[in-house]
Amino acid sequence: MVKTRPEDLNWNKLGFKYHDLPYRWVDEFKDGKWQGGHLTQDSSITFNEAAEELHYGQEIFEGLKAYRRKDGGINLFRPDQNAKRMANSAKRLLMEPYPEDKFIKAVKEVVKANQDFVPPYGSDGTLYLRPFMMGMQSVVGVSPSETYQFRIYATPVGAYVKGLKPMPYEVSDYDRAAPAGTGQAKTAGNYASSLMPSLIAKKNGFADALYLDPKEHKYIDEFGGANFFGITKEGQFQTPKSDSILPSITKRSILKLAKDLDLDPIETKIPINEIDRFAETGAMGTAAVISPVGSLTYKGKKHVFGSETKAGPITQKLYDTLFGIQVGDLADNYNWVVKLN
């Protein structure tokens, strides 16, 4: 595959897609230890036809971003939390966790090697980083692999949802994860199960699907690729508390910011039949950052939250605050930002 060059890109029209950049990180776990890792220009992966990952789905991944500051430098946002979450995902799938210090070092190396591809300040683009790990052992019976490959690739992306335009969503009849399953792990299987409901939602004219808890189907869980939040008519920030949703780093950050803004934030069970308690709702995650939800359709009934054409004032404030910290425009009072230069 021909490598992407910076001059090939329109920074203001990146979309959310893959570009084959010059460098990525690769490491292998074999003979009972990680081998040390290194940068490579090879974007291909060779599997045996019986590889664990291909048949039994022993695969995990992460997502984080590098941001260009106004002074031309580069910021990372809370990479230590991605390292911890990936280690937890690995433990859940009986994989060998990648050491957290090596994870952060590898992320930095990939960003530095591809720094010409970090979009300019003001373009709304970022350099998206995808660390992932796969079981590589050739197996026939169902058992965990004894060998793994850890990789990180990077690709410049635009906004997952362009602008802060409220979008319509529908509540899915499908489940994203099983009760007591792998919902809290960032593993490929959870996303594979969301492909059909997401396609159905889009064919029905919606941006994506919202899932309910898989046990009782009474409470809001999360969207296919982001966590849910709502602002009540009394001005309180609420987000679902559930054992089957991914622990979002963006959500954890916004909970702190919401407290700073006197929104009395809480994680709580949110009954779907009480959805009209909210004046504003939205999706939050690394890819989405914050995306306002204009409406939710549940069992044929459309529930509208504020304006369907403009983000609500609290949603806008939360987005401006979080993104301002990420790109270095606002004070980082929690030491979340890691500056590369």
Protein backbone atom coordinates (compact mmCIF):
# COMPACT_ATOMS: atom_id res chain seq x y z
CA MET A 1 0.00 0.00 0.00
CA VAL A 2 1.28 3.47 -0.89
CA LYS A 3 2.01 5.56 2.21
CA THR A 4 -0.02 8.71 2.77
CA ARG A 5 1.88 12.00 2.52
CA PRO A 6 0.94 15.21 4.39
CA GLU A 7 0.46 17.03 1.08
CA ASP A 8 -2.18 14.44 0.09
CA LEU A 9 -4.51 15.57 2.89
CA ASN A 10 -7.12 18.30 3.14
CA TRP A 11 -6.95 19.04 6.86
CA ASN A 12 -10.45 20.52 6.92
CA LYS A 13 -12.07 17.55 5.19
CA LEU A 14 -10.43 14.52 6.74
CA GLY A 15 -13.48 12.48 7.64
CA PHE A 16 -13.07 9.54 10.01
CA LYS A 17 -11.11 7.00 7.98
CA TYR A 18 -7.81 5.16 7.75
CA HIS A 19 -4.62 6.53 6.19
CA ASP A 20 -1.50 4.39 5.91
CA LEU A 21 1.06 6.60 7.68
CA PRO A 22 4.82 5.98 7.63
CA TYR A 23 5.21 4.47 11.12
CA ARG A 24 3.49 2.25 13.66
CA TRP A 25 4.58 0.32 16.77
CA VAL A 26 4.81 -3.47 17.03
CA ASP A 27 5.75 -5.79 19.89
CA GLU A 28 5.36 -9.52 20.45
CA PHE A 29 4.71 -11.61 23.52
CA LYS A 30 6.43 -14.98 23.20
CA ASP A 31 8.57 -17.24 25.35
CA GLY A 32 6.80 -15.73 28.36
CA LYS A 33 7.77 -12.08 27.83
CA TRP A 34 7.27 -9.00 25.68
CA GLN A 35 10.18 -8.63 23.28
CA GLY A 36 10.74 -4.87 23.61
CA GLY A 37 8.90 -3.37 20.65
CA HIS A 38 9.95 -1.04 17.86
CA LEU A 39 8.67 1.27 15.15
CA THR A 40 8.06 -0.24 11.73
CA GLN A 41 6.90 0.96 8.34
CA ASP A 42 5.16 -2.33 7.61
CA SER A 43 1.39 -1.94 7.97
CA SER A 44 0.63 -5.57 7.11
CA ILE A 45 0.06 -8.42 9.58
CA THR A 46 0.63 -12.09 8.80
CA PHE A 47 -1.69 -14.65 10.44
CA ASN A 48 -1.71 -18.38 10.42
CA GLU A 49 -5.12 -19.62 9.28
CA ALA A 50 -5.72 -21.11 12.73
CA ALA A 51 -4.77 -17.95 14.67
CA GLU A 52 -6.67 -17.46 17.94
CA GLU A 53 -7.80 -13.95 17.04
CA LEU A 54 -9.44 -15.04 13.79
CA HIS A 55 -11.61 -17.80 15.28
CA TYR A 56 -12.20 -17.04 18.94
CA GLY A 57 -11.99 -13.25 18.96
CA GLN A 58 -9.21 -12.82 21.51
CA GLU A 59 -8.59 -9.19 20.56
CA ILE A 60 -8.72 -5.89 22.41
CA PHE A 61 -8.09 -2.29 21.40
CA GLU A 62 -8.00 1.31 22.55
CA GLY A 63 -8.57 4.75 21.05
CA LEU A 64 -6.92 8.04 21.94
CA LYS A 65 -5.86 11.23 20.19
CA ALA A 66 -2.97 13.66 19.74
CA TYR A 67 -3.92 17.35 19.49
CA ARG A 68 -2.07 20.25 17.88
CA ARG A 69 -1.72 23.31 20.12
CA LYS A 70 -1.83 26.90 18.93
CA ASP A 71 1.95 27.19 19.46
CA GLY A 72 2.52 24.20 17.16
CA GLY A 73 3.23 21.70 19.93
CA ILE A 74 1.39 18.43 20.46
CA ASN A 75 -0.75 17.25 23.37
CA LEU A 76 -1.87 13.80 24.45
CA PHE A 77 -4.91 13.47 26.69
CA ARG A 78 -4.75 11.05 29.64
CA PRO A 79 -2.82 8.22 27.90
CA ASP A 80 -2.23 6.63 31.31
CA GLN A 81 -5.97 5.93 31.54
CA ASN A 82 -5.97 4.22 28.14
CA ALA A 83 -3.05 2.09 29.32
CA LYS A 84 -4.95 1.06 32.46
CA ARG A 85 -8.17 0.34 30.58
CA MET A 86 -6.35 -1.79 28.01
CA ALA A 87 -4.69 -3.76 30.80
CA ASN A 88 -8.12 -4.39 32.33
CA SER A 89 -9.51 -5.49 28.96
CA ALA A 90 -6.55 -7.86 28.58
CA LYS A 91 -7.20 -9.43 31.99
CA ARG A 92 -10.88 -9.96 31.15
CA LEU A 93 -9.94 -11.82 27.95
CA LEU A 94 -7.08 -13.77 29.56
CA MET A 95 -4.44 -11.93 27.55
CA GLU A 96 -1.01 -10.76 28.66
CA PRO A 97 -1.39 -7.06 29.63
CA TYR A 98 0.98 -4.68 27.89
CA PRO A 99 3.01 -2.85 30.58
CA GLU A 100 1.48 0.57 31.18
CA ASP A 101 4.79 2.46 31.06
CA LYS A 102 5.69 0.77 27.76
CA PHE A 103 2.22 1.58 26.41
CA ILE A 104 2.72 5.30 27.05
CA LYS A 105 6.25 5.19 25.62
CA ALA A 106 4.99 3.47 22.46
CA VAL A 107 2.18 6.02 22.01
CA LYS A 108 4.69 8.86 22.24
CA GLU A 109 7.03 7.17 19.76
CA VAL A 110 4.25 6.71 17.21
CA VAL A 111 3.10 10.32 17.52
CA LYS A 112 6.62 11.72 17.25
CA ALA A 113 7.40 9.55 14.22
CA ASN A 114 4.20 10.71 12.50
CA GLN A 115 4.10 14.27 13.85
CA ASP A 116 3.72 15.80 10.39
CA PHE A 117 0.29 14.17 10.30
CA VAL A 118 -1.08 15.82 13.43
CA PRO A 119 -3.63 18.21 11.89
CA PRO A 120 -3.06 21.94 12.34
CA TYR A 121 -4.60 23.84 15.22
CA GLY A 122 -8.03 25.18 14.30
CA SER A 123 -8.79 22.50 11.72
CA ASP A 124 -10.89 20.40 14.16
CA GLY A 125 -8.71 17.45 13.12
CA THR A 126 -6.67 15.22 15.41
CA LEU A 127 -4.28 12.31 15.10
CA TYR A 128 -6.23 9.24 16.15
CA LEU A 129 -4.22 6.41 17.73
CA ARG A 130 -5.40 2.81 17.75
CA PRO A 131 -3.46 0.48 20.09
CA PHE A 132 -4.59 -3.12 19.73
CA MET A 133 -3.57 -6.63 20.75
CA MET A 134 -4.31 -10.00 19.15
CA GLY A 135 -3.95 -13.64 20.12
CA MET A 136 -1.60 -15.09 17.50
CA GLN A 137 -1.26 -18.77 18.49
CA SER A 138 -2.57 -21.40 16.10
CA VAL A 139 -5.36 -23.20 17.96
CA VAL A 140 -8.27 -25.50 17.22
CA GLY A 141 -9.79 -26.03 20.66
CA VAL A 142 -11.20 -23.07 22.56
CA SER A 143 -8.41 -21.86 24.85
CA PRO A 144 -6.46 -18.60 25.33
CA SER A 145 -3.42 -17.93 23.18
CA GLU A 146 0.10 -18.08 24.59
CA THR A 147 1.47 -15.58 22.04
CA TYR A 148 0.29 -12.06 21.27
CA GLN A 149 1.06 -9.14 19.04
CA PHE A 150 0.62 -5.55 20.26
CA ARG A 151 0.47 -2.76 17.71
CA ILE A 152 -0.35 0.95 17.50
CA TYR A 153 -1.24 2.68 14.27
CA ALA A 154 -2.13 6.33 13.75
CA THR A 155 -4.39 8.10 11.29
CA PRO A 156 -5.43 11.76 11.00
CA VAL A 157 -9.17 12.20 11.44
CA GLY A 158 -11.80 14.88 11.44
CA ALA A 159 -14.79 14.97 13.74
CA TYR A 160 -16.66 11.66 14.18
CA VAL A 161 -19.84 13.72 14.04
CA LYS A 162 -19.21 16.96 12.16
CA GLY A 163 -19.92 20.01 14.27
CA LEU A 164 -22.14 20.22 17.33
CA LYS A 165 -25.29 19.57 15.35
CA PRO A 166 -27.93 17.61 17.26
CA MET A 167 -28.63 14.25 15.60
CA PRO A 168 -31.57 11.84 15.87
CA TYR A 169 -31.04 8.39 17.43
CA GLU A 170 -33.25 5.38 18.03
CA VAL A 171 -33.36 2.90 20.88
CA SER A 172 -32.37 -0.53 19.58
CA ASP A 173 -34.18 -3.79 20.21
CA TYR A 174 -30.79 -5.52 20.10
CA ASP A 175 -28.21 -5.88 22.89
CA ARG A 176 -24.63 -4.62 22.63
CA ALA A 177 -23.28 -6.99 25.30
CA ALA A 178 -24.53 -9.81 27.53
CA PRO A 179 -25.29 -9.46 31.25
CA ALA A 180 -22.05 -10.32 33.12
CA GLY A 181 -20.36 -10.44 29.70
CA THR A 182 -17.56 -8.40 28.13
CA GLY A 183 -19.35 -5.05 28.04
CA GLN A 184 -16.66 -3.38 30.18
CA ALA A 185 -13.84 -4.65 27.95
CA LYS A 186 -12.92 -2.87 24.73
CA THR A 187 -12.99 -5.99 22.58
CA ALA A 188 -13.89 -6.46 18.93
CA GLY A 189 -16.84 -8.77 19.60
CA ASN A 190 -18.82 -6.04 21.33
CA TYR A 191 -18.56 -3.90 18.22
CA ALA A 192 -19.31 -6.77 15.85
CA SER A 193 -22.63 -7.27 17.62
CA SER A 194 -23.47 -3.57 17.11
CA LEU A 195 -23.02 -3.59 13.32
CA MET A 196 -26.52 -4.80 12.46
CA PRO A 197 -28.46 -2.52 14.85
CA SER A 198 -26.32 0.42 13.73
CA LEU A 199 -27.10 -0.31 10.07
CA ILE A 200 -30.80 -0.68 10.86
CA ALA A 201 -30.78 2.67 12.69
CA LYS A 202 -29.08 4.41 9.78
CA LYS A 203 -31.49 2.88 7.26
CA ASN A 204 -34.30 4.24 9.41
CA GLY A 205 -32.82 7.73 9.15
CA PHE A 206 -31.03 7.87 12.52
CA ALA A 207 -27.41 8.62 13.33
CA ASP A 208 -26.98 5.43 15.37
CA ALA A 209 -28.54 3.18 17.99
CA LEU A 210 -28.84 3.54 21.75
CA TYR A 211 -28.80 0.32 23.78
CA LEU A 212 -30.69 -0.56 26.92
CA ASP A 213 -29.36 -2.75 29.72
CA PRO A 214 -29.17 -6.35 28.46
CA LYS A 215 -30.77 -7.92 31.54
CA GLU A 216 -34.07 -6.06 31.97
CA HIS A 217 -34.20 -3.71 28.96
CA LYS A 218 -35.43 -0.96 31.29
CA TYR A 219 -32.39 1.29 31.70
CA ILE A 220 -30.20 3.25 29.29
CA ASP A 221 -26.74 1.74 28.73
CA GLU A 222 -24.81 3.44 25.91
CA PHE A 223 -24.59 4.15 22.20
CA GLY A 224 -22.67 1.89 19.83
CA GLY A 225 -19.51 3.97 20.10
CA ALA A 226 -20.05 6.42 22.95
CA ASN A 227 -21.50 6.86 26.44
CA PHE A 228 -24.81 8.61 27.09
CA PHE A 229 -25.39 11.71 29.19
CA GLY A 230 -28.37 13.89 29.95
CA ILE A 231 -28.97 17.30 31.53
CA THR A 232 -32.19 17.29 33.53
CA LYS A 233 -34.65 20.16 33.36
CA GLU A 234 -33.35 21.10 36.82
CA GLY A 235 -29.80 21.35 35.46
CA GLN A 236 -28.23 18.13 36.79
CA PHE A 237 -25.74 16.09 34.74
CA GLN A 238 -26.65 12.39 34.71
CA THR A 239 -24.97 9.43 33.02
CA PRO A 240 -25.81 5.70 33.27
CA LYS A 241 -24.36 3.47 35.97
CA SER A 242 -24.08 -0.03 34.58
CA ASP A 243 -21.86 -3.12 34.70
CA SER A 244 -22.25 -3.74 30.96
CA ILE A 245 -20.91 -0.47 29.48
CA LEU A 246 -17.37 0.56 28.64
CA PRO A 247 -15.72 2.73 31.34
CA SER A 248 -15.19 5.85 29.26
CA ILE A 249 -12.18 8.09 29.86
CA THR A 250 -14.07 10.97 28.28
CA LYS A 251 -17.00 10.36 30.63
CA ARG A 252 -14.71 10.26 33.64
CA SER A 253 -13.24 13.59 32.59
CA ILE A 254 -16.60 15.22 31.90
CA LEU A 255 -17.92 14.14 35.30
CA LYS A 256 -15.16 16.23 36.88
CA LEU A 257 -15.81 19.19 34.58
CA ALA A 258 -19.54 18.97 35.26
CA LYS A 259 -18.82 19.22 38.98
CA ASP A 260 -16.69 22.31 38.34
CA LEU A 261 -19.68 23.80 36.51
CA ASP A 262 -21.97 23.10 39.49
CA LEU A 263 -24.03 20.52 37.58
CA ASP A 264 -24.12 18.12 40.55
CA PRO A 265 -23.11 15.17 38.32
CA ILE A 266 -24.12 11.61 39.15
CA GLU A 267 -23.84 8.13 37.67
CA THR A 268 -27.20 6.46 38.14
CA LYS A 269 -29.65 4.07 36.57
CA ILE A 270 -31.69 5.98 34.01
CA PRO A 271 -35.04 4.35 33.18
CA ILE A 272 -35.85 4.67 29.49
CA ASN A 273 -39.46 5.47 30.39
CA GLU A 274 -38.21 8.59 32.22
CA ILE A 275 -36.25 9.97 29.27
CA ASP A 276 -38.37 13.13 29.19
CA ARG A 277 -36.68 14.29 32.40
CA PHE A 278 -33.87 15.67 30.21
CA ALA A 279 -33.65 19.09 28.59
CA GLU A 280 -30.41 18.12 26.80
CA THR A 281 -28.84 14.77 25.95
CA GLY A 282 -25.65 13.74 24.21
CA ALA A 283 -23.03 11.13 23.37
CA MET A 284 -19.48 11.32 24.73
CA GLY A 285 -16.33 9.40 23.87
CA THR A 286 -12.84 9.68 22.38
CA ALA A 287 -14.09 9.62 18.79
CA ALA A 288 -17.28 11.60 19.38
CA VAL A 289 -15.85 13.97 22.04
CA ILE A 290 -19.32 15.36 22.78
CA SER A 291 -22.14 15.05 20.25
CA PRO A 292 -25.58 16.49 21.08
CA VAL A 293 -28.58 14.20 20.67
CA GLY A 294 -31.54 16.05 19.22
CA SER A 295 -34.06 13.26 19.66
CA LEU A 296 -34.50 9.64 20.72
CA THR A 297 -37.15 7.42 19.17
CA TYR A 298 -38.34 4.59 21.41
CA LYS A 299 -41.12 2.18 20.44
CA GLY A 300 -42.21 4.55 17.70
CA LYS A 301 -42.40 7.64 19.92
CA LYS A 302 -40.01 10.52 19.27
CA HIS A 303 -38.61 12.33 22.33
CA VAL A 304 -37.07 15.74 21.54
CA PHE A 305 -34.51 17.46 23.77
CA GLY A 306 -34.39 21.22 23.35
CA SER A 307 -33.50 22.38 19.86
CA GLU A 308 -33.00 19.85 17.06
CA THR A 309 -30.80 22.32 15.20
CA LYS A 310 -28.49 23.75 17.87
CA ALA A 311 -26.58 22.25 20.79
CA GLY A 312 -27.95 23.10 24.20
CA PRO A 313 -26.02 25.65 26.29
CA ILE A 314 -24.68 23.13 28.83
CA THR A 315 -23.65 20.63 26.16
CA GLN A 316 -21.86 23.43 24.33
CA LYS A 317 -20.10 24.56 27.51
CA LEU A 318 -18.93 21.03 28.34
CA TYR A 319 -17.59 20.55 24.80
CA ASP A 320 -15.80 23.91 24.79
CA THR A 321 -14.23 23.18 28.18
CA LEU A 322 -13.05 19.66 27.41
CA PHE A 323 -11.73 20.43 23.93
CA GLY A 324 -10.14 23.64 25.20
CA ILE A 325 -8.12 21.61 27.72
CA GLN A 326 -7.19 18.99 25.14
CA VAL A 327 -5.73 21.54 22.69
CA GLY A 328 -4.12 23.65 25.39
CA ASP A 329 -6.38 26.72 25.21
CA LEU A 330 -7.70 26.30 28.76
CA ALA A 331 -5.95 25.58 32.02
CA ASP A 332 -5.36 21.90 32.76
CA ASN A 333 -6.20 21.85 36.45
CA TYR A 334 -6.12 18.07 36.71
CA ASN A 335 -2.80 17.39 34.93
CA TRP A 336 -4.56 15.40 32.23
CA VAL A 337 -2.46 16.68 29.32
CA VAL A 338 0.89 15.21 28.34
CA LYS A 339 2.93 17.62 26.20
CA LEU A 340 5.24 16.05 23.63
CA ASN A 341 6.98 19.30 22.62
